[in-house]
Amino acid sequence: MLRFFAVFLITAFISWMLFRVKFSPTLFLSHFSTSSRTVPAIIMASPRTVNKTIYSVEQPEGKGARVRRSIGGRQLATLDPFLLLDHFKVKPPAGFPDHPHRGFETVTYMLDGSFTHEDFKRHKGTIHAGDLQWMTAGRGVLHCEMPGPEGGEGLQLWVNLAKKNKMVDAAYQELLKKDIPVVKKDGVTAVVIAGECLGVHAAVRTLTPTLYLDITLDPGSHLTQPVPTGWNVFGYVWSGKAMFGTETFCNNRMQFTVVMWPEAILASFNPI
């Protein structure tokens, strides 16, 4: 099974996809079944090619916590409009106590366990595996994020806001797993976190145009995803092997990010 997250973006605009594979597309989190020799391939119509690959190096963050950071790290300072991508896996008493955000959005997608958020205006909520919090920091938020008793694992993406939106009021969109649209077709399962996939639209609203999918592809399945010309694309691979573009790119190491050149209009995903 290949599981990955995929993200598309254009300067000042973003599209992100999370995939889970059996296989996933455009910001990718990919997960491939190692029990099969069939490996999903990521092929772009007017094929996109790989610009660079980045291993998500573990580093300290918050109080006693550790994260795997790709975007926002030394190898890739930014990927406009993405400012940061962290894969966190944290257990108490570690966590992320009071800290500020301003001028961008934080997108937290839970993979396992739970995390509780509370801000200076006493907004408080807990998200569990499969849940989403899309926080618009805007003019400013002071908050904390702490794991539940069982710990919590997930991804947090920071998305820059256009100048006209940097001073909007802080706002939250918190969606439970059951409220996030899922589409299944011909061996493809896509959790549509933001944007559109296979004719299904996400429930979340974004100030910066975003495509974010969590996709699983069964062996032998195929997915072609439209990508606007000029949008940047990156995929976060959680586990498995894959082919990106026309290049065979197999890597047994999990948690690496693949950045692609922004010239193609379609993303096509196939097992090989």
Protein backbone atom coordinates (compact mmCIF):
# COMPACT_ATOMS: atom_id res chain seq x y z
CA MET A 1 0.00 0.00 0.00
CA LEU A 2 1.28 3.48 -0.89
CA ARG A 3 0.08 6.43 1.10
CA PHE A 4 1.02 9.99 0.30
CA PHE A 5 -0.11 13.61 0.38
CA ALA A 6 0.02 15.76 -2.75
CA VAL A 7 0.00 19.53 -3.02
CA PHE A 8 -0.37 21.94 -5.95
CA LEU A 9 0.20 25.65 -5.76
CA ILE A 10 0.80 28.74 -7.83
CA THR A 11 2.61 31.83 -6.58
CA ALA A 12 0.43 33.23 -3.79
CA PHE A 13 -1.98 30.36 -4.32
CA ILE A 14 -1.90 26.76 -3.19
CA SER A 15 -3.31 23.39 -3.90
CA TRP A 16 -2.52 20.47 -1.64
CA MET A 17 -3.45 16.80 -1.85
CA LEU A 18 -2.93 14.00 0.60
CA PHE A 19 -2.87 10.48 -0.74
CA ARG A 20 -2.99 7.17 0.91
CA VAL A 21 -2.30 4.15 -1.20
CA LYS A 22 -2.87 1.66 -1.42
CA PHE A 23 -2.07 5.09 -3.20
CA SER A 24 -2.59 8.94 -2.84
CA PRO A 25 -2.21 12.27 -5.27
CA THR A 26 -0.96 16.03 -5.47
CA LEU A 27 0.31 17.00 -2.11
CA PHE A 28 0.97 13.33 -1.55
CA LEU A 29 1.15 11.29 1.49
CA SER A 30 1.70 7.93 -0.07
CA HIS A 31 1.47 4.45 1.31
CA PHE A 32 2.07 1.39 -0.89
CA SER A 33 1.43 -2.22 -0.01
CA THR A 34 4.74 -4.01 0.30
CA SER A 35 2.96 -7.35 -0.08
CA SER A 36 2.58 -6.73 -3.81
CA ARG A 37 5.25 -6.19 -6.43
CA THR A 38 2.87 -3.79 -8.13
CA VAL A 39 3.95 -0.22 -7.42
CA PRO A 40 1.73 2.80 -8.16
CA ALA A 41 3.29 5.21 -10.63
CA ILE A 42 2.77 8.97 -10.66
CA ILE A 43 2.78 10.12 -14.26
CA MET A 44 1.89 13.61 -15.47
CA ALA A 45 0.10 14.24 -18.77
CA SER A 46 2.45 16.72 -20.43
CA PRO A 47 4.49 14.95 -17.79
CA ARG A 48 5.75 16.82 -14.79
CA THR A 49 9.22 15.85 -13.72
CA VAL A 50 10.88 15.69 -10.33
CA ASN A 51 12.75 18.82 -9.29
CA LYS A 52 14.10 17.56 -5.98
CA THR A 53 13.45 15.07 -3.19
CA ILE A 54 13.83 15.91 0.47
CA TYR A 55 14.02 13.55 3.41
CA SER A 56 12.02 14.87 6.36
CA VAL A 57 14.63 15.15 9.08
CA GLU A 58 13.48 14.81 12.68
CA GLN A 59 14.09 17.86 14.87
CA PRO A 60 12.97 19.25 18.25
CA GLU A 61 9.96 21.55 18.38
CA GLY A 62 7.69 22.94 21.10
CA LYS A 63 8.26 21.50 24.56
CA GLY A 64 9.85 18.06 24.42
CA ALA A 65 8.23 17.27 21.05
CA ARG A 66 9.90 16.14 17.86
CA VAL A 67 8.67 16.64 14.29
CA ARG A 68 9.78 15.61 10.81
CA ARG A 69 10.06 18.81 8.77
CA SER A 70 10.49 19.08 5.01
CA ILE A 71 9.17 22.48 3.90
CA GLY A 72 10.53 25.12 6.25
CA GLY A 73 13.71 23.17 6.87
CA ARG A 74 17.27 23.76 5.70
CA GLN A 75 16.77 21.84 2.44
CA LEU A 76 13.64 23.77 1.37
CA ALA A 77 13.09 27.04 3.22
CA THR A 78 9.72 27.75 1.54
CA LEU A 79 7.67 26.57 -1.43
CA ASP A 80 5.41 29.55 -2.00
CA PRO A 81 2.78 29.72 -0.66
CA PHE A 82 3.70 26.82 1.61
CA LEU A 83 5.74 27.94 4.57
CA LEU A 84 6.09 24.71 6.53
CA LEU A 85 5.16 21.03 6.56
CA ASP A 86 5.61 19.08 9.78
CA HIS A 87 4.83 15.43 10.43
CA PHE A 88 4.37 15.23 14.20
CA LYS A 89 4.04 12.24 16.52
CA VAL A 90 3.85 13.40 20.11
CA LYS A 91 2.98 11.88 23.48
CA PRO A 92 2.39 13.68 26.82
CA PRO A 93 3.92 15.49 28.57
CA ALA A 94 5.46 16.83 25.32
CA GLY A 95 3.47 19.22 23.16
CA PHE A 96 3.25 22.72 21.77
CA PRO A 97 2.42 25.20 24.58
CA ASP A 98 1.37 28.81 24.00
CA HIS A 99 2.80 30.26 20.78
CA PRO A 100 1.65 32.92 18.26
CA HIS A 101 0.72 32.81 14.55
CA ARG A 102 -0.01 35.72 12.22
CA GLY A 103 -0.57 36.26 8.50
CA PHE A 104 -1.08 32.67 7.35
CA GLU A 105 -3.22 29.55 7.87
CA THR A 106 -2.35 26.35 9.70
CA VAL A 107 -3.88 23.11 8.45
CA THR A 108 -3.80 20.17 10.87
CA TYR A 109 -4.86 16.74 9.60
CA MET A 110 -4.83 13.95 12.16
CA LEU A 111 -3.53 10.48 11.30
CA ASP A 112 -3.78 8.84 14.71
CA GLY A 113 -4.64 9.67 18.33
CA SER A 114 -5.88 13.13 19.26
CA PHE A 115 -4.79 16.73 19.80
CA THR A 116 -6.48 19.53 21.74
CA HIS A 117 -6.24 23.16 20.68
CA GLU A 118 -7.04 26.18 22.85
CA ASP A 119 -6.48 29.87 22.06
CA PHE A 120 -6.39 33.16 23.92
CA LYS A 121 -10.08 33.79 23.16
CA ARG A 122 -10.98 30.49 24.85
CA HIS A 123 -11.78 28.71 21.63
CA LYS A 124 -11.10 25.04 22.40
CA GLY A 125 -11.50 21.82 20.46
CA THR A 126 -10.14 18.30 20.11
CA ILE A 127 -9.53 16.54 16.81
CA HIS A 128 -9.00 12.80 16.35
CA ALA A 129 -7.73 10.51 13.58
CA GLY A 130 -9.19 11.61 10.24
CA ASP A 131 -10.36 14.99 11.58
CA LEU A 132 -9.24 18.37 10.24
CA GLN A 133 -8.64 21.82 11.68
CA TRP A 134 -8.17 24.67 9.20
CA MET A 135 -7.15 27.71 11.24
CA THR A 136 -6.86 31.17 9.69
CA ALA A 137 -4.51 33.10 11.96
CA GLY A 138 -5.02 36.37 10.05
CA ARG A 139 -4.26 39.35 12.28
CA GLY A 140 -3.05 37.06 15.04
CA VAL A 141 -3.70 34.07 17.29
CA LEU A 142 -2.02 32.91 20.50
CA HIS A 143 -2.76 29.26 21.14
CA CYS A 144 -1.49 25.91 22.39
CA GLU A 145 -1.72 22.42 20.87
CA MET A 146 -1.32 19.42 23.16
CA PRO A 147 -1.70 15.66 22.57
CA GLY A 148 -4.38 13.55 24.22
CA PRO A 149 -3.47 10.87 26.78
CA GLU A 150 -2.82 8.35 23.98
CA GLY A 151 -0.65 10.78 22.04
CA GLY A 152 -1.30 12.17 18.58
CA GLU A 153 0.14 11.90 15.08
CA GLY A 154 -0.63 14.08 12.10
CA LEU A 155 0.50 16.62 9.54
CA GLN A 156 0.53 20.37 9.91
CA LEU A 157 0.85 22.55 6.81
CA TRP A 158 1.29 26.33 6.92
CA VAL A 159 -0.24 28.22 3.99
CA ASN A 160 0.64 31.85 3.37
CA LEU A 161 -2.12 34.40 2.90
CA ALA A 162 -2.23 37.05 0.17
CA LYS A 163 -1.48 40.59 1.35
CA LYS A 164 -5.18 41.54 1.26
CA ASN A 165 -6.04 38.68 3.65
CA LYS A 166 -3.21 38.93 6.16
CA MET A 167 -5.21 41.05 8.60
CA VAL A 168 -8.53 39.22 8.45
CA ASP A 169 -10.10 38.10 11.73
CA ALA A 170 -8.92 34.76 13.08
CA ALA A 171 -11.26 31.90 12.17
CA TYR A 172 -11.55 28.13 12.45
CA GLN A 173 -12.98 25.34 10.36
CA GLU A 174 -13.03 22.06 12.28
CA LEU A 175 -14.33 19.05 10.39
CA LEU A 176 -14.83 15.60 11.81
CA LYS A 177 -13.76 12.61 9.71
CA LYS A 178 -17.41 11.83 8.92
CA ASP A 179 -17.89 15.34 7.47
CA ILE A 180 -14.94 15.21 5.05
CA PRO A 181 -16.07 13.96 1.61
CA VAL A 182 -14.65 10.65 0.40
CA VAL A 183 -14.89 9.38 -3.18
CA LYS A 184 -14.22 5.79 -4.31
CA LYS A 185 -13.86 4.72 -7.92
CA ASP A 186 -12.11 1.84 -9.65
CA GLY A 187 -9.75 1.06 -6.79
CA VAL A 188 -9.08 4.71 -5.93
CA THR A 189 -10.13 6.15 -2.57
CA ALA A 190 -9.69 9.91 -2.14
CA VAL A 191 -10.39 11.91 1.00
CA VAL A 192 -11.12 15.37 -0.43
CA ILE A 193 -9.77 17.69 2.23
CA ALA A 194 -9.64 20.78 -0.01
CA GLY A 195 -10.42 21.36 -3.67
CA GLU A 196 -11.96 18.72 -5.94
CA CYS A 197 -11.22 15.14 -6.95
CA LEU A 198 -13.23 12.82 -9.23
CA GLY A 199 -16.12 15.29 -9.27
CA VAL A 200 -16.38 15.55 -5.47
CA HIS A 201 -15.81 18.92 -3.80
CA ALA A 202 -14.39 19.53 -0.33
CA ALA A 203 -16.46 21.03 2.47
CA VAL A 204 -13.69 23.34 3.66
CA ARG A 205 -13.37 26.92 2.38
CA THR A 206 -9.90 28.30 1.65
CA LEU A 207 -8.69 31.89 1.27
CA THR A 208 -5.74 30.61 -0.74
CA PRO A 209 -6.93 28.24 -3.51
CA THR A 210 -5.89 24.78 -2.35
CA LEU A 211 -6.10 21.16 -3.46
CA TYR A 212 -5.43 18.74 -0.62
CA LEU A 213 -6.17 15.03 -0.95
CA ASP A 214 -5.52 11.89 1.05
CA ILE A 215 -5.53 9.14 -1.56
CA THR A 216 -5.27 5.38 -1.51
CA LEU A 217 -4.74 3.43 -4.73
CA ASP A 218 -5.23 -0.31 -4.98
CA PRO A 219 -2.74 -2.22 -7.16
CA GLY A 220 -3.85 -1.95 -10.77
CA SER A 221 -5.83 1.27 -10.22
CA HIS A 222 -5.31 4.61 -11.98
CA LEU A 223 -6.02 8.25 -11.20
CA THR A 224 -5.63 11.31 -13.41
CA GLN A 225 -5.93 14.62 -11.57
CA PRO A 226 -6.17 18.00 -13.40
CA VAL A 227 -3.54 20.50 -12.30
CA PRO A 228 -3.68 24.20 -13.32
CA THR A 229 -0.72 25.26 -15.43
CA GLY A 230 1.91 27.00 -13.33
CA TRP A 231 0.87 25.49 -10.01
CA ASN A 232 3.64 24.03 -7.91
CA VAL A 233 3.26 20.41 -6.84
CA PHE A 234 4.77 18.44 -4.01
CA GLY A 235 4.01 15.09 -2.50
CA TYR A 236 4.72 13.85 1.00
CA VAL A 237 5.37 10.13 1.05
CA TRP A 238 4.54 8.42 4.28
CA SER A 239 5.57 4.93 3.19
CA GLY A 240 6.01 2.84 0.06
CA LYS A 241 7.45 3.14 -3.43
CA ALA A 242 6.32 5.14 -6.44
CA MET A 243 7.13 6.48 -9.88
CA PHE A 244 6.78 10.25 -10.22
CA GLY A 245 6.35 11.76 -13.67
CA THR A 246 8.24 9.78 -16.27
CA GLU A 247 10.98 8.90 -13.81
CA THR A 248 11.15 5.70 -11.87
CA PHE A 249 11.55 6.86 -8.32
CA CYS A 250 11.46 4.10 -5.73
CA ASN A 251 12.44 4.73 -2.17
CA ASN A 252 11.92 2.44 0.79
CA ARG A 253 12.42 5.28 3.23
CA MET A 254 9.21 6.80 4.47
CA GLN A 255 8.57 10.47 5.11
CA PHE A 256 10.20 12.14 2.15
CA THR A 257 8.91 15.02 0.05
CA VAL A 258 8.96 15.07 -3.75
CA VAL A 259 8.86 18.53 -5.37
CA MET A 260 7.86 18.66 -9.04
CA TRP A 261 8.32 21.26 -11.76
CA PRO A 262 5.11 23.30 -12.42
CA GLU A 263 4.71 22.86 -16.17
CA ALA A 264 2.07 20.14 -16.65
CA ILE A 265 -1.72 20.34 -16.59
CA LEU A 266 -2.54 16.80 -15.43
CA ALA A 267 -1.31 14.46 -12.78
CA SER A 268 -1.76 10.80 -13.68
CA PHE A 269 -1.20 7.97 -11.22
CA ASN A 270 -0.79 4.32 -12.24
CA PRO A 271 0.61 1.09 -10.85
CA ILE A 272 3.58 -0.32 -12.76
